[in-house]
N, C-alpha and C. Protein backbone atom coordinates (compact mmCIF):
# COMPACT_ATOMS: atom_id res chain seq x y z
N MET A 1 109.44 96.24 70.32
CA MET A 1 108.71 95.54 71.36
C MET A 1 107.50 96.41 71.73
N ASN A 2 106.34 95.78 71.89
CA ASN A 2 105.16 96.57 72.22
C ASN A 2 105.14 96.95 73.70
N SER A 3 104.24 97.83 74.04
CA SER A 3 104.24 98.38 75.41
C SER A 3 103.87 97.32 76.45
N PHE A 4 103.00 96.37 76.09
CA PHE A 4 102.65 95.33 77.05
C PHE A 4 103.87 94.48 77.41
N ALA A 5 104.66 94.12 76.40
CA ALA A 5 105.86 93.31 76.64
C ALA A 5 106.85 94.07 77.51
N VAL A 6 107.00 95.34 77.26
CA VAL A 6 107.92 96.16 78.07
C VAL A 6 107.43 96.21 79.51
N ARG A 7 106.13 96.44 79.71
CA ARG A 7 105.59 96.48 81.07
C ARG A 7 105.71 95.13 81.77
N ALA A 8 105.46 94.04 81.03
CA ALA A 8 105.57 92.70 81.62
C ALA A 8 107.02 92.42 82.04
N LEU A 9 107.97 92.76 81.18
CA LEU A 9 109.37 92.53 81.52
C LEU A 9 109.83 93.44 82.66
N THR A 10 109.27 94.63 82.73
CA THR A 10 109.59 95.55 83.82
C THR A 10 109.16 94.97 85.16
N VAL A 11 108.11 94.19 85.17
CA VAL A 11 107.64 93.55 86.40
C VAL A 11 108.33 92.22 86.63
N LEU A 12 108.42 91.39 85.59
CA LEU A 12 108.87 90.01 85.77
C LEU A 12 110.37 89.86 86.01
N TRP A 13 111.19 90.68 85.35
CA TRP A 13 112.64 90.51 85.51
C TRP A 13 113.11 90.84 86.93
N PRO A 14 112.76 91.99 87.50
CA PRO A 14 113.17 92.24 88.89
C PRO A 14 112.57 91.22 89.87
N ALA A 15 111.34 90.77 89.60
CA ALA A 15 110.72 89.77 90.46
C ALA A 15 111.50 88.46 90.39
N PHE A 16 111.98 88.09 89.21
CA PHE A 16 112.80 86.89 89.04
C PHE A 16 114.07 86.99 89.88
N LEU A 17 114.73 88.14 89.81
CA LEU A 17 115.97 88.32 90.58
C LEU A 17 115.70 88.26 92.09
N MET A 18 114.62 88.91 92.53
CA MET A 18 114.32 88.90 93.96
C MET A 18 113.84 87.54 94.44
N ALA A 19 113.20 86.76 93.57
CA ALA A 19 112.81 85.40 93.94
C ALA A 19 114.07 84.56 94.18
N GLY A 20 115.09 84.79 93.39
CA GLY A 20 116.36 84.10 93.61
C GLY A 20 116.98 84.48 94.94
N VAL A 21 116.92 85.75 95.28
CA VAL A 21 117.44 86.22 96.57
C VAL A 21 116.63 85.62 97.72
N ALA A 22 115.31 85.63 97.59
CA ALA A 22 114.45 85.06 98.64
C ALA A 22 114.74 83.56 98.81
N GLU A 23 114.93 82.88 97.69
CA GLU A 23 115.26 81.45 97.74
C GLU A 23 116.56 81.22 98.52
N MET A 24 117.57 82.02 98.24
CA MET A 24 118.85 81.86 98.95
C MET A 24 118.70 82.16 100.44
N LEU A 25 117.95 83.19 100.77
CA LEU A 25 117.77 83.53 102.18
C LEU A 25 117.00 82.45 102.93
N VAL A 26 115.91 81.97 102.35
CA VAL A 26 115.09 80.97 103.03
C VAL A 26 115.84 79.66 103.18
N PHE A 27 116.42 79.17 102.08
CA PHE A 27 117.05 77.87 102.15
C PHE A 27 118.49 77.93 102.66
N GLY A 28 118.97 79.12 102.96
CA GLY A 28 120.20 79.25 103.72
C GLY A 28 119.95 78.95 105.19
N LEU A 29 118.69 79.08 105.60
CA LEU A 29 118.32 78.84 107.00
C LEU A 29 117.51 77.57 107.22
N VAL A 30 116.82 77.10 106.18
CA VAL A 30 115.91 75.96 106.31
C VAL A 30 116.37 74.84 105.39
N ASP A 31 116.43 73.65 105.93
CA ASP A 31 116.75 72.47 105.13
C ASP A 31 115.46 71.93 104.53
N PRO A 32 115.39 71.77 103.21
CA PRO A 32 114.15 71.30 102.59
C PRO A 32 113.68 69.94 103.10
N SER A 33 114.59 69.10 103.53
CA SER A 33 114.17 67.79 104.04
C SER A 33 113.52 67.89 105.42
N ASP A 34 113.65 69.03 106.09
CA ASP A 34 113.02 69.23 107.40
C ASP A 34 111.62 69.82 107.30
N LEU A 35 111.18 70.19 106.09
CA LEU A 35 109.85 70.79 105.93
C LEU A 35 108.77 69.75 106.13
N ARG A 36 107.70 70.17 106.80
CA ARG A 36 106.58 69.26 107.10
C ARG A 36 105.27 69.96 106.78
N TRP A 37 104.26 69.15 106.45
CA TRP A 37 102.91 69.67 106.28
C TRP A 37 102.36 70.07 107.64
N PHE A 38 101.21 70.69 107.65
CA PHE A 38 100.62 71.14 108.90
C PHE A 38 100.30 69.98 109.84
N GLY A 39 100.02 68.81 109.30
CA GLY A 39 99.72 67.63 110.11
C GLY A 39 100.93 66.95 110.69
N GLY A 40 102.11 67.36 110.30
CA GLY A 40 103.32 66.78 110.84
C GLY A 40 104.03 65.82 109.93
N GLU A 41 103.43 65.44 108.81
CA GLU A 41 104.09 64.54 107.87
C GLU A 41 105.10 65.31 107.04
N THR A 42 106.20 64.64 106.69
CA THR A 42 107.20 65.29 105.84
C THR A 42 106.65 65.45 104.42
N ILE A 43 107.16 66.44 103.73
CA ILE A 43 106.78 66.66 102.35
C ILE A 43 107.49 65.61 101.51
N GLY A 44 106.75 64.85 100.75
CA GLY A 44 107.33 63.73 100.01
C GLY A 44 107.89 64.14 98.65
N LEU A 45 108.68 65.20 98.61
CA LEU A 45 109.27 65.67 97.36
C LEU A 45 110.79 65.71 97.50
N SER A 46 111.47 65.64 96.38
CA SER A 46 112.93 65.74 96.41
C SER A 46 113.34 67.18 96.75
N ARG A 47 114.59 67.34 97.10
CA ARG A 47 115.10 68.69 97.40
C ARG A 47 114.94 69.61 96.20
N GLN A 48 115.28 69.10 95.02
CA GLN A 48 115.19 69.92 93.82
C GLN A 48 113.74 70.34 93.54
N ALA A 49 112.79 69.45 93.78
CA ALA A 49 111.38 69.80 93.58
C ALA A 49 110.95 70.89 94.56
N ILE A 50 111.39 70.79 95.79
CA ILE A 50 111.04 71.81 96.79
C ILE A 50 111.68 73.15 96.44
N TYR A 51 112.94 73.13 96.02
CA TYR A 51 113.60 74.37 95.60
C TYR A 51 112.85 75.00 94.42
N THR A 52 112.46 74.17 93.45
CA THR A 52 111.77 74.68 92.27
C THR A 52 110.42 75.26 92.62
N LEU A 53 109.63 74.51 93.38
CA LEU A 53 108.30 75.01 93.77
C LEU A 53 108.40 76.28 94.61
N ALA A 54 109.33 76.33 95.52
CA ALA A 54 109.50 77.52 96.35
C ALA A 54 109.89 78.71 95.49
N PHE A 55 110.81 78.51 94.53
CA PHE A 55 111.20 79.60 93.64
C PHE A 55 110.00 80.11 92.85
N LEU A 56 109.20 79.22 92.30
CA LEU A 56 108.04 79.63 91.52
C LEU A 56 107.01 80.36 92.38
N ILE A 57 106.83 79.91 93.60
CA ILE A 57 105.91 80.60 94.52
C ILE A 57 106.43 81.99 94.85
N PHE A 58 107.72 82.09 95.18
CA PHE A 58 108.31 83.41 95.46
C PHE A 58 108.17 84.33 94.26
N TRP A 59 108.46 83.80 93.07
CA TRP A 59 108.39 84.61 91.84
C TRP A 59 106.96 85.09 91.60
N ALA A 60 105.98 84.21 91.80
CA ALA A 60 104.58 84.58 91.60
C ALA A 60 104.15 85.66 92.60
N LEU A 61 104.52 85.50 93.86
CA LEU A 61 104.12 86.48 94.87
C LEU A 61 104.78 87.85 94.63
N ILE A 62 106.05 87.84 94.34
CA ILE A 62 106.76 89.10 94.11
C ILE A 62 106.27 89.74 92.82
N SER A 63 105.99 88.94 91.79
CA SER A 63 105.45 89.47 90.54
C SER A 63 104.09 90.10 90.76
N ALA A 64 103.25 89.44 91.53
CA ALA A 64 101.92 89.99 91.82
C ALA A 64 102.02 91.33 92.55
N ALA A 65 102.89 91.41 93.53
CA ALA A 65 103.07 92.66 94.27
C ALA A 65 103.61 93.76 93.35
N SER A 66 104.56 93.41 92.50
CA SER A 66 105.11 94.40 91.57
C SER A 66 104.09 94.83 90.53
N ALA A 67 103.29 93.88 90.04
CA ALA A 67 102.27 94.22 89.04
C ALA A 67 101.21 95.14 89.63
N ILE A 68 100.82 94.89 90.86
CA ILE A 68 99.84 95.77 91.52
C ILE A 68 100.42 97.16 91.69
N THR A 69 101.69 97.24 92.08
CA THR A 69 102.35 98.54 92.22
C THR A 69 102.40 99.27 90.88
N ALA A 70 102.77 98.56 89.81
CA ALA A 70 102.83 99.18 88.48
C ALA A 70 101.45 99.62 88.03
N TRP A 71 100.44 98.81 88.29
CA TRP A 71 99.06 99.15 87.91
C TRP A 71 98.58 100.39 88.67
N LEU A 72 98.83 100.44 89.97
CA LEU A 72 98.41 101.61 90.76
C LEU A 72 99.19 102.85 90.33
N SER A 73 100.45 102.69 90.00
CA SER A 73 101.25 103.82 89.53
C SER A 73 100.74 104.35 88.19
N ALA A 74 100.36 103.44 87.30
CA ALA A 74 99.83 103.85 85.99
C ALA A 74 98.45 104.48 86.14
N ALA A 75 97.66 104.01 87.07
CA ALA A 75 96.32 104.56 87.28
C ALA A 75 96.38 105.97 87.83
N ARG A 76 97.45 106.27 88.52
CA ARG A 76 97.60 107.62 89.11
C ARG A 76 97.91 108.65 88.04
N ASN A 77 98.58 108.24 86.98
CA ASN A 77 98.99 109.19 85.93
C ASN A 77 97.88 109.44 85.00
């Protein structure tokens, strides 16, 4: 495996696991059918769609934070 793949997996795999944890914490407290847009209208998506989108958003945010940390750590060396 080349070094880029190793670095990508080093960032993406822990971010995937933590996105799952974040999903459980958020939706353990919030019912997806109660979510509303800023204007007050309900989000017109199924529960599964909301779970999926939230997971992907969490994964992207955590991956970005981890990638920045890895990049800054590599720049220091």
